[in-house]
Amino acid sequence: MDLLNAAKGKPFIVLVGNKSDLSDEFEVTDENVREFCESHDGIPYFETSAKTGDGIKEMFDALVAGLPQITDTSVQVLEENPSSCC
């Protein structure tokens, strides 16, 4: 959460729970996750498994869809220096 406090503007954040293939070993309940996400501006949550590939595409689709939200309009383009000096 320190990263949220240090970020300029509103960052696009998703919460990802990996190892969904080991759901019988979860230490965090669905209710805990739902409450956390709701208390943090309704951030999206994805359960994924790197082992089986479950949820990976959906997570990345959401990240790509969120990219326009994080476009920084304050970026300045510098012109190249035509001199041959370093």
Protein backbone atom coordinates (compact mmCIF):
# COMPACT_ATOMS: atom_id res chain seq x y z
CA MET A 1 0.00 0.00 0.00
CA ASP A 2 3.04 2.28 0.31
CA LEU A 3 3.27 2.26 -3.48
CA LEU A 4 -0.29 3.59 -3.71
CA ASN A 5 0.55 6.42 -1.38
CA ALA A 6 3.71 7.30 -3.33
CA ALA A 7 2.10 7.15 -6.79
CA LYS A 8 1.26 10.35 -8.62
CA GLY A 9 -2.30 10.42 -9.88
CA LYS A 10 -4.43 7.30 -9.74
CA PRO A 11 -2.55 4.12 -10.71
CA PHE A 12 -4.34 1.21 -12.38
CA ILE A 13 -4.12 -1.73 -10.01
CA VAL A 14 -5.36 -5.29 -10.09
CA LEU A 15 -5.05 -7.90 -7.37
CA VAL A 16 -3.91 -11.32 -8.56
CA GLY A 17 -4.07 -14.48 -6.51
CA ASN A 18 -1.82 -17.11 -8.06
CA LYS A 19 -1.81 -20.89 -7.55
CA SER A 20 -5.56 -21.23 -7.98
CA ASP A 21 -4.88 -24.90 -8.71
CA LEU A 22 -4.11 -25.27 -4.99
CA SER A 23 -7.43 -23.82 -3.78
CA ASP A 24 -7.72 -26.37 -0.98
CA GLU A 25 -4.65 -24.73 0.60
CA PHE A 26 -5.87 -21.11 0.46
CA GLU A 27 -5.34 -19.10 3.63
CA VAL A 28 -7.38 -16.12 2.42
CA THR A 29 -11.13 -16.46 1.97
CA ASP A 30 -13.16 -15.12 -0.96
CA GLU A 31 -14.88 -12.83 1.54
CA ASN A 32 -11.50 -11.38 2.66
CA VAL A 33 -10.54 -10.70 -0.94
CA ARG A 34 -13.92 -9.14 -1.78
CA GLU A 35 -13.78 -6.84 1.27
CA PHE A 36 -10.20 -5.80 0.48
CA CYS A 37 -11.02 -4.99 -3.14
CA GLU A 38 -14.16 -3.06 -2.21
CA SER A 39 -12.30 -1.05 0.42
CA HIS A 40 -9.67 -0.09 -2.17
CA ASP A 41 -11.86 1.54 -4.83
CA GLY A 42 -13.20 -1.77 -6.15
CA ILE A 43 -9.93 -2.94 -7.67
CA PRO A 44 -10.37 -5.97 -9.93
CA TYR A 45 -9.32 -9.39 -8.61
CA PHE A 46 -8.17 -12.38 -10.61
CA GLU A 47 -7.37 -15.91 -9.53
CA THR A 48 -4.72 -17.44 -11.74
CA SER A 49 -2.61 -20.54 -12.04
CA ALA A 50 0.76 -20.41 -13.73
CA LYS A 51 0.73 -24.21 -13.66
CA THR A 52 -2.55 -24.69 -15.56
CA GLY A 53 -2.81 -21.27 -17.27
CA ASP A 54 -6.25 -20.64 -15.76
CA GLY A 55 -7.17 -16.96 -15.51
CA ILE A 56 -3.97 -15.69 -17.13
CA LYS A 57 -5.56 -14.45 -20.37
CA GLU A 58 -8.42 -12.76 -18.51
CA MET A 59 -5.96 -10.99 -16.20
CA PHE A 60 -3.82 -9.70 -19.06
CA ASP A 61 -6.91 -8.66 -21.05
CA ALA A 62 -7.98 -6.53 -18.06
CA LEU A 63 -4.50 -5.03 -17.77
CA VAL A 64 -4.44 -4.11 -21.45
CA ALA A 65 -7.94 -2.65 -21.21
CA GLY A 66 -6.75 -0.51 -18.29
CA LEU A 67 -3.74 0.91 -20.11
CA PRO A 68 -5.53 3.98 -21.53
CA GLN A 69 -6.42 4.89 -17.96
CA ILE A 70 -2.76 5.24 -17.02
CA THR A 71 -1.51 7.22 -20.02
CA ASP A 72 0.68 10.02 -18.72
CA THR A 73 -0.07 13.21 -20.63
CA SER A 74 2.75 15.10 -18.95
CA VAL A 75 5.50 13.34 -20.92
CA GLN A 76 7.71 15.77 -22.80
CA VAL A 77 9.31 14.81 -26.12
CA LEU A 78 12.86 16.07 -26.46
CA GLU A 79 14.26 16.94 -29.84
CA GLU A 80 17.43 15.18 -30.92
CA ASN A 81 20.61 17.22 -30.80
CA PRO A 82 21.91 17.40 -34.40
CA SER A 83 25.53 17.81 -33.26
CA SER A 84 27.84 14.83 -33.58
CA CYS A 85 29.19 15.32 -30.09
CA CYS A 86 28.22 12.87 -27.35
